[in-house]
Protein backbone atom coordinates (compact mmCIF):
# COMPACT_ATOMS: atom_id res chain seq x y z
CA MET A 1 106.23 121.93 100.09
CA ASP A 2 108.49 119.80 102.26
CA TYR A 3 107.43 116.61 104.07
CA ASN A 4 108.34 118.22 107.42
CA GLU A 5 105.88 121.03 106.70
CA SER A 6 102.98 118.68 105.99
CA PHE A 7 100.91 115.81 107.37
CA ARG A 8 99.44 112.82 105.57
CA ILE A 9 95.66 112.63 105.40
CA GLY A 10 95.22 109.51 103.24
CA TYR A 11 95.58 108.22 99.71
CA ILE A 12 93.73 108.07 96.41
CA THR A 13 91.96 104.75 95.98
CA LYS A 14 90.34 104.93 92.56
CA THR A 15 88.81 107.02 89.82
CA ARG A 16 85.09 107.53 89.38
CA GLY A 17 83.40 108.29 86.10
CA LEU A 18 85.02 109.62 82.94
CA LYS A 19 85.48 113.28 83.93
CA GLY A 20 88.50 112.83 86.22
CA GLU A 21 86.80 112.44 89.59
CA ILE A 22 88.87 110.54 92.18
CA GLN A 23 88.12 108.88 95.50
CA LEU A 24 90.25 109.86 98.48
CA PHE A 25 90.42 107.52 101.47
CA PHE A 26 91.11 109.38 104.72
CA GLU A 27 93.44 107.91 107.33
CA PHE A 28 93.15 111.16 109.28
CA LYS A 29 90.52 110.72 111.99
CA GLU A 30 88.76 114.09 111.85
CA PHE A 31 88.63 114.38 108.06
CA ASP A 32 85.43 116.44 108.19
CA LEU A 33 87.43 119.29 109.80
CA LEU A 34 90.00 119.47 106.98
CA ASP A 35 90.22 122.32 104.48
CA LEU A 36 90.51 120.55 101.13
CA ASP A 37 90.75 123.52 98.73
CA LEU A 38 94.42 122.79 98.05
CA ILE A 39 95.97 119.37 98.64
CA PHE A 40 99.41 117.94 97.91
CA ILE A 41 99.88 114.58 96.22
CA GLU A 42 103.12 112.62 96.46
CA ILE A 43 104.44 112.06 92.95
CA ASN A 44 108.01 110.79 92.46
CA ARG A 45 108.87 111.67 96.09
CA GLN A 46 107.72 115.27 95.58
CA LEU A 47 104.62 116.92 97.03
CA VAL A 48 102.76 118.38 94.06
CA PRO A 49 99.92 120.89 94.68
CA PHE A 50 96.45 120.25 93.28
CA PHE A 51 93.60 122.74 93.47
CA VAL A 52 90.29 121.10 94.33
CA SER A 53 87.38 122.48 92.34
CA SER A 54 84.75 120.49 94.26
CA TYR A 55 84.45 117.63 96.72
CA LYS A 56 81.81 115.56 98.49
CA LEU A 57 82.56 113.92 101.85
CA GLN A 58 81.18 110.42 102.39
CA SER A 59 80.42 108.70 105.70
CA ASN A 60 82.89 105.84 105.09
CA ASN A 61 86.12 107.89 105.50
CA THR A 62 86.16 108.83 101.83
CA ALA A 63 85.55 111.84 99.63
CA TYR A 64 85.04 112.31 95.91
CA LEU A 65 87.10 115.15 94.45
CA PHE A 66 87.47 117.01 91.20
CA PHE A 67 90.70 118.91 90.53
CA GLU A 68 90.90 122.10 88.46
CA ASP A 69 93.38 120.71 85.89
CA ILE A 70 92.11 117.13 85.66
CA ASP A 71 89.13 116.69 83.37
CA HIS A 72 89.52 113.12 82.09
CA ILE A 73 89.81 109.64 83.57
CA ASP A 74 93.20 109.09 81.89
CA LYS A 75 94.72 112.01 83.81
CA ALA A 76 93.07 110.88 87.06
CA LYS A 77 94.31 107.28 86.74
CA GLU A 78 97.90 108.49 87.21
CA LEU A 79 97.01 109.60 90.75
CA VAL A 80 95.59 106.29 92.00
CA ARG A 81 97.46 104.84 95.02
CA LYS A 82 99.25 108.15 95.67
CA ASN A 83 99.55 109.60 99.17
CA VAL A 84 97.77 112.87 99.94
CA PHE A 85 99.08 115.59 102.28
CA LEU A 86 98.06 118.96 103.68
CA PRO A 87 100.28 121.73 105.09
CA ASN A 88 100.75 121.65 108.87
CA SER A 89 99.07 125.05 108.99
CA LYS A 90 95.79 123.35 107.98
CA LYS A 91 95.91 120.77 110.77
CA PRO A 92 92.81 121.11 112.96
CA GLU A 93 93.40 122.49 116.45
CA ARG A 94 93.07 120.07 119.34
CA ASP A 95 91.75 120.68 122.81
CA GLU A 96 94.53 121.34 125.30
CA GLY A 97 95.68 118.13 126.93
CA GLU A 98 94.03 115.91 124.30
CA PHE A 99 96.20 112.86 123.58
CA LEU A 100 95.51 110.42 120.76
CA ILE A 101 96.98 106.96 120.25
CA GLU A 102 98.62 108.25 117.03
CA ASP A 103 100.63 110.67 119.21
CA LEU A 104 102.72 107.69 120.36
CA LYS A 105 104.59 107.73 117.04
CA GLY A 106 108.17 108.75 117.85
CA PHE A 107 107.97 107.52 121.45
CA ASN A 108 110.66 105.16 122.75
CA VAL A 109 109.28 101.81 123.88
CA PHE A 110 110.48 99.99 126.98
CA ASP A 111 109.35 96.44 127.70
CA SER A 112 109.39 95.20 131.30
CA LYS A 113 111.32 92.01 130.31
CA HIS A 114 113.41 93.06 127.30
CA GLY A 115 114.24 96.67 128.18
CA GLU A 116 114.41 99.31 125.48
CA LEU A 117 112.92 98.13 122.19
CA GLY A 118 113.31 101.30 120.14
CA GLU A 119 111.24 104.10 118.66
CA ILE A 120 107.72 103.65 117.33
CA ILE A 121 108.09 104.30 113.62
CA GLU A 122 104.50 103.63 112.59
CA ILE A 123 101.05 103.14 114.08
CA ASN A 124 98.40 101.38 112.03
CA GLU A 125 94.74 101.05 112.86
CA TYR A 126 93.01 97.75 112.24
CA PRO A 127 89.34 97.02 112.97
CA GLN A 128 90.12 95.40 116.32
CA GLN A 129 93.08 97.48 117.53
CA PHE A 130 96.03 99.78 116.90
CA ILE A 131 99.35 98.13 116.03
CA ALA A 132 102.73 99.78 116.69
CA THR A 133 105.81 99.13 114.55
CA VAL A 134 109.23 99.38 116.20
CA SER A 135 112.67 98.79 114.72
CA TYR A 136 114.35 96.41 117.18
CA ASN A 137 117.81 94.91 116.48
CA SER A 138 117.53 95.96 112.81
CA GLN A 139 114.19 94.16 112.49
CA GLU A 140 110.64 95.47 112.47
CA ILE A 141 108.45 94.13 115.23
CA LEU A 142 104.73 94.68 115.63
CA PHE A 143 102.68 94.69 118.80
CA PRO A 144 99.17 95.78 119.76
CA LEU A 145 98.69 99.03 121.62
CA SER A 146 96.30 97.48 124.09
CA ASP A 147 95.48 98.66 127.59
CA ASP A 148 96.37 95.12 128.68
CA PHE A 149 100.02 95.66 127.66
CA ILE A 150 100.55 99.39 128.33
CA GLU A 151 101.90 100.08 131.80
CA GLU A 152 102.75 103.78 131.50
CA ILE A 153 102.83 106.61 128.96
CA ASP A 154 105.27 109.38 129.82
CA GLU A 155 104.41 112.25 127.47
CA GLU A 156 107.18 114.48 128.82
CA LYS A 157 109.97 111.95 128.17
CA LYS A 158 108.18 110.52 125.09
CA GLU A 159 108.35 107.01 126.56
CA LEU A 160 105.93 104.11 126.40
CA HIS A 161 106.36 101.39 129.01
CA ILE A 162 104.77 98.07 128.14
CA ASN A 163 104.63 94.46 129.27
CA LEU A 164 104.46 92.30 126.14
CA PRO A 165 102.96 88.81 126.37
CA ASP A 166 105.47 85.99 126.76
CA GLY A 167 106.75 84.81 123.40
CA LEU A 168 105.56 87.75 121.28
CA LEU A 169 109.03 89.21 120.80
CA ASP A 170 110.50 85.72 120.33
CA ILE A 171 108.41 85.28 117.18
CA TYR A 172 110.38 88.09 115.53
CA LEU A 173 113.76 87.18 117.02
CA ASP A 174 113.53 83.53 115.90
CA GLN A 175 113.17 84.68 112.28
CA ALA A 176 116.48 86.54 112.35
């Protein structure tokens, strides 16, 4: 499986018990819609398939899983902190016209004062807000994806037009 043919759903946080059970933390919003019979775990920059023998979804964005070939805690420990992927073919269908904040990844960002900042390379969710990461002048800058700063989202051109607060960009530029 190739990275282009898959999407990341989360990562393995810890083991549980002595029989090889692991805890998977979901970063994918609608994790309850995922088919988890076969997952891919990133090991040495390769996506390795693992057949899930059983799993239990939890309400806190986690699941407990047993794999067919892992029957001891020592084997399971090797998977902790590894990223977990599914094939694109298993991505849940969305309603037509539905747009999520995560869809902004890959959009070019334009600030009203500084012009083009670059492409959004990552979007992280924190308890209070979503934070976008952009590579600007060979340096990563972070800014909140807040309605207060977003002026326009052009889905067709894949552009995000924002108005950053005074001084926010200067914090990153002064470090250079």
